[in-house]
Amino acid sequence: MPQMTLFAPDITCEHCIATISKAVATVEGARFIAGDPESRTFAVEVASGAVLDRVAETLTAEGYPLGEAPAPGAAPAAGRMTGLPMAGGAPMAGMQHQQQAGFKPQYLKIEKTDAGADVTYSCPCGSTTEVFHLDRSRADQEPHSCCGHHTLVGVNAAARLRARLGDGYEIDVQTVTMPWGQPLEAAQAVAKG
């Protein structure tokens, strides 16, 4: 089963971790592994994305809704995703980019789908309409490719891209938060010079 670390901003002590452990145990297909009240995180194994949804619903009912973990030493982001320019708390859409050294992709929109989520992102070629279709029922997915650039969203996305593509690529890694509250790696590989 896939293992993931989740963040619940309302965790304050070991009692909270014990409550979360008991709540996760009530969800078929989920297993609590460990928790850390200091970082407000806990690790679980889940059999599928639907099980993760049930875990999130159960924890919300117990008073521990999932949230986006702040970067070390930083305040939580104003919007749902990190590393993006924000306008009124939402990612700025419609931005065009020229292909250039040091390009940083933007993850412009994340929408929940029956299979998982559609992640719309910008590409070094200037496109702002590329979409990675995250399917939570698949343990490993093919990256989405645009103009020879490859994008993958998921657990260990950067390492999985590197394993597929080799060392001939620069890989930008950011964190995006899925509609169900789980932060995931978003990695984009661009061929080196």
Protein backbone atom coordinates (compact mmCIF):
# COMPACT_ATOMS: atom_id res chain seq x y z
CA MET A 1 0.00 0.00 0.00
CA PRO A 2 1.24 3.53 -0.73
CA GLN A 3 2.58 5.34 2.33
CA MET A 4 2.21 9.10 2.76
CA THR A 5 2.77 11.80 5.33
CA LEU A 6 -0.18 14.11 5.98
CA PHE A 7 -0.47 17.42 7.86
CA ALA A 8 -3.30 18.38 10.22
CA PRO A 9 -2.91 21.94 11.56
CA ASP A 10 -5.01 21.23 14.67
CA ILE A 11 -2.59 18.64 16.11
CA THR A 12 -1.14 19.95 19.38
CA CYS A 13 -0.09 16.92 21.44
CA GLU A 14 0.33 13.15 21.72
CA HIS A 15 -3.36 12.84 22.61
CA CYS A 16 -4.19 14.30 19.18
CA ILE A 17 -1.94 11.71 17.53
CA ALA A 18 -3.66 8.92 19.52
CA THR A 19 -7.08 10.20 18.41
CA ILE A 20 -5.94 10.29 14.78
CA SER A 21 -4.53 6.75 15.09
CA LYS A 22 -7.88 5.46 16.39
CA ALA A 23 -9.82 7.32 13.69
CA VAL A 24 -7.61 5.97 10.87
CA ALA A 25 -8.05 2.43 12.27
CA THR A 26 -11.81 2.70 11.61
CA VAL A 27 -11.25 3.17 7.86
CA GLU A 28 -10.98 -0.06 5.89
CA GLY A 29 -7.88 -0.06 3.69
CA ALA A 30 -5.98 2.46 5.83
CA ARG A 31 -3.29 1.93 8.45
CA PHE A 32 -1.79 4.50 10.83
CA ILE A 33 2.02 4.27 11.01
CA ALA A 34 3.32 7.10 13.22
CA GLY A 35 2.71 10.71 14.17
CA ASP A 36 4.69 13.75 15.30
CA PRO A 37 2.83 16.47 17.26
CA GLU A 38 5.71 18.95 16.86
CA SER A 39 5.47 18.98 13.05
CA ARG A 40 1.70 18.27 13.15
CA THR A 41 2.20 15.38 10.74
CA PHE A 42 1.39 11.69 10.67
CA ALA A 43 2.12 8.83 8.31
CA VAL A 44 -0.49 6.42 6.97
CA GLU A 45 -0.75 3.68 4.39
CA VAL A 46 -3.83 3.75 2.16
CA ALA A 47 -5.01 1.24 -0.42
CA SER A 48 -6.37 3.85 -2.87
CA GLY A 49 -7.32 7.47 -3.36
CA ALA A 50 -10.89 6.69 -2.33
CA VAL A 51 -9.56 5.33 1.00
CA LEU A 52 -7.59 8.56 1.46
CA ASP A 53 -10.83 10.50 0.91
CA ARG A 54 -12.52 8.43 3.65
CA VAL A 55 -9.56 9.03 5.98
CA ALA A 56 -9.82 12.79 5.35
CA GLU A 57 -13.58 12.75 6.01
CA THR A 58 -13.14 10.72 9.20
CA LEU A 59 -10.42 13.03 10.50
CA THR A 60 -12.49 16.12 9.72
CA ALA A 61 -15.35 14.62 11.76
CA GLU A 62 -12.88 14.05 14.64
CA GLY A 63 -11.73 17.69 14.49
CA TYR A 64 -8.47 17.14 12.60
CA PRO A 65 -9.02 18.29 9.00
CA LEU A 66 -6.05 17.85 6.67
CA GLY A 67 -4.23 20.98 5.55
CA GLU A 68 -1.19 22.20 3.69
CA ALA A 69 2.03 21.97 5.67
CA PRO A 70 4.08 25.18 5.75
CA ALA A 71 7.62 25.05 4.43
CA PRO A 72 10.20 24.77 7.21
CA GLY A 73 10.56 28.19 8.83
CA ALA A 74 7.78 29.73 6.73
CA ALA A 75 4.19 30.72 7.34
CA PRO A 76 1.49 28.74 5.51
CA ALA A 77 0.90 29.84 1.92
CA ALA A 78 -2.05 32.13 1.27
CA GLY A 79 -3.40 29.90 -1.49
CA ARG A 80 -3.79 26.16 -1.95
CA MET A 81 -0.50 25.68 -3.80
CA THR A 82 3.05 26.68 -2.95
CA GLY A 83 5.62 28.46 -5.07
CA LEU A 84 3.08 30.37 -7.18
CA PRO A 85 2.38 34.03 -7.69
CA MET A 86 -0.95 34.76 -6.03
CA ALA A 87 -3.67 37.29 -6.77
CA GLY A 88 -6.38 37.56 -4.14
CA GLY A 89 -5.36 34.19 -2.66
CA ALA A 90 -5.64 32.34 -5.98
CA PRO A 91 -3.00 31.42 -8.57
CA MET A 92 -2.70 33.95 -11.37
CA ALA A 93 -3.96 32.31 -14.54
CA GLY A 94 -3.20 33.04 -18.17
CA MET A 95 0.47 33.87 -17.65
CA GLN A 96 2.66 33.24 -20.70
CA HIS A 97 6.32 32.28 -20.49
CA GLN A 98 9.15 32.40 -22.98
CA GLN A 99 11.52 29.47 -23.08
CA GLN A 100 14.49 30.55 -21.00
CA ALA A 101 17.17 29.23 -18.70
CA GLY A 102 15.97 28.87 -15.14
CA PHE A 103 12.30 28.60 -16.16
CA LYS A 104 10.02 27.75 -13.21
CA PRO A 105 6.73 26.09 -14.15
CA GLN A 106 3.55 27.39 -12.57
CA TYR A 107 0.77 25.09 -11.45
CA LEU A 108 -2.17 27.25 -12.40
CA LYS A 109 -5.22 25.18 -11.50
CA ILE A 110 -5.96 21.90 -9.73
CA GLU A 111 -9.40 20.40 -10.20
CA LYS A 112 -10.78 17.24 -8.61
CA THR A 113 -11.83 14.50 -11.02
CA ASP A 114 -13.41 11.07 -10.53
CA ALA A 115 -9.95 9.48 -10.95
CA GLY A 116 -8.01 12.06 -8.91
CA ALA A 117 -7.17 15.54 -10.19
CA ASP A 118 -6.32 17.52 -13.31
CA VAL A 119 -3.27 19.72 -12.75
CA THR A 120 -2.94 22.56 -15.29
CA TYR A 121 0.61 23.89 -15.60
CA SER A 122 2.82 26.16 -17.68
CA CYS A 123 5.57 24.87 -19.95
CA PRO A 124 8.86 26.51 -21.07
CA CYS A 125 7.48 26.61 -24.64
CA GLY A 126 4.93 29.22 -23.51
CA SER A 127 1.88 26.99 -23.15
CA THR A 128 -0.27 27.59 -20.08
CA THR A 129 -2.86 24.94 -20.91
CA GLU A 130 -0.92 21.70 -20.36
CA VAL A 131 -2.69 19.22 -18.07
CA PHE A 132 -1.38 16.30 -16.05
CA HIS A 133 -4.25 13.88 -15.32
CA LEU A 134 -3.48 12.36 -11.90
CA ASP A 135 -5.11 8.94 -11.53
CA ARG A 136 -4.95 7.90 -7.87
CA SER A 137 -5.76 4.27 -8.70
CA ARG A 138 -2.40 3.89 -10.50
CA ALA A 139 0.78 3.49 -8.44
CA ASP A 140 2.94 4.78 -11.31
CA GLN A 141 1.92 6.98 -14.22
CA GLU A 142 3.62 8.09 -17.39
CA PRO A 143 4.69 11.74 -17.29
CA HIS A 144 2.77 14.22 -19.43
CA SER A 145 5.00 15.61 -22.18
CA CYS A 146 4.88 18.90 -24.05
CA CYS A 147 7.55 19.93 -26.54
CA GLY A 148 10.08 17.50 -25.08
CA HIS A 149 9.43 18.66 -21.50
CA HIS A 150 8.04 16.10 -19.06
CA THR A 151 5.79 16.73 -16.04
CA LEU A 152 4.81 14.28 -13.31
CA VAL A 153 2.72 14.84 -10.18
CA GLY A 154 2.71 12.34 -7.33
CA VAL A 155 4.68 10.79 -4.52
CA ASN A 156 8.43 10.98 -5.28
CA ALA A 157 7.69 12.51 -8.69
CA ALA A 158 11.21 13.96 -9.14
CA ALA A 159 12.95 10.65 -8.37
CA ARG A 160 10.56 8.79 -10.67
CA LEU A 161 11.23 11.28 -13.51
CA ARG A 162 14.99 10.98 -12.98
CA ALA A 163 14.73 7.16 -13.11
CA ARG A 164 12.77 7.33 -16.40
CA LEU A 165 14.76 10.06 -18.13
CA GLY A 166 18.31 9.83 -16.79
CA ASP A 167 20.69 12.65 -15.93
CA GLY A 168 20.26 14.68 -19.14
CA TYR A 169 17.46 16.78 -17.62
CA GLU A 170 17.11 19.67 -15.17
CA ILE A 171 14.21 18.88 -12.85
CA ASP A 172 12.19 21.59 -11.11
CA VAL A 173 10.39 20.30 -8.01
CA GLN A 174 7.53 22.11 -6.29
CA THR A 175 4.73 21.10 -3.95
CA VAL A 176 1.07 21.30 -4.93
CA THR A 177 -1.90 20.50 -2.74
CA MET A 178 -4.57 18.20 -4.08
CA PRO A 179 -8.27 19.04 -3.62
CA TRP A 180 -8.46 16.42 -0.83
CA GLY A 181 -5.68 18.18 1.16
CA GLN A 182 -2.68 16.00 0.30
CA PRO A 183 0.53 17.82 -0.69
CA LEU A 184 2.31 16.09 -3.60
CA GLU A 185 5.48 16.71 -5.58
CA ALA A 186 5.09 18.31 -8.98
CA ALA A 187 8.21 17.76 -11.07
CA GLN A 188 9.00 19.12 -14.54
CA ALA A 189 12.03 17.90 -16.50
CA VAL A 190 13.66 20.05 -19.19
CA ALA A 191 16.58 18.75 -21.28
CA LYS A 192 19.92 20.26 -20.30
CA GLY A 193 21.41 22.84 -22.71
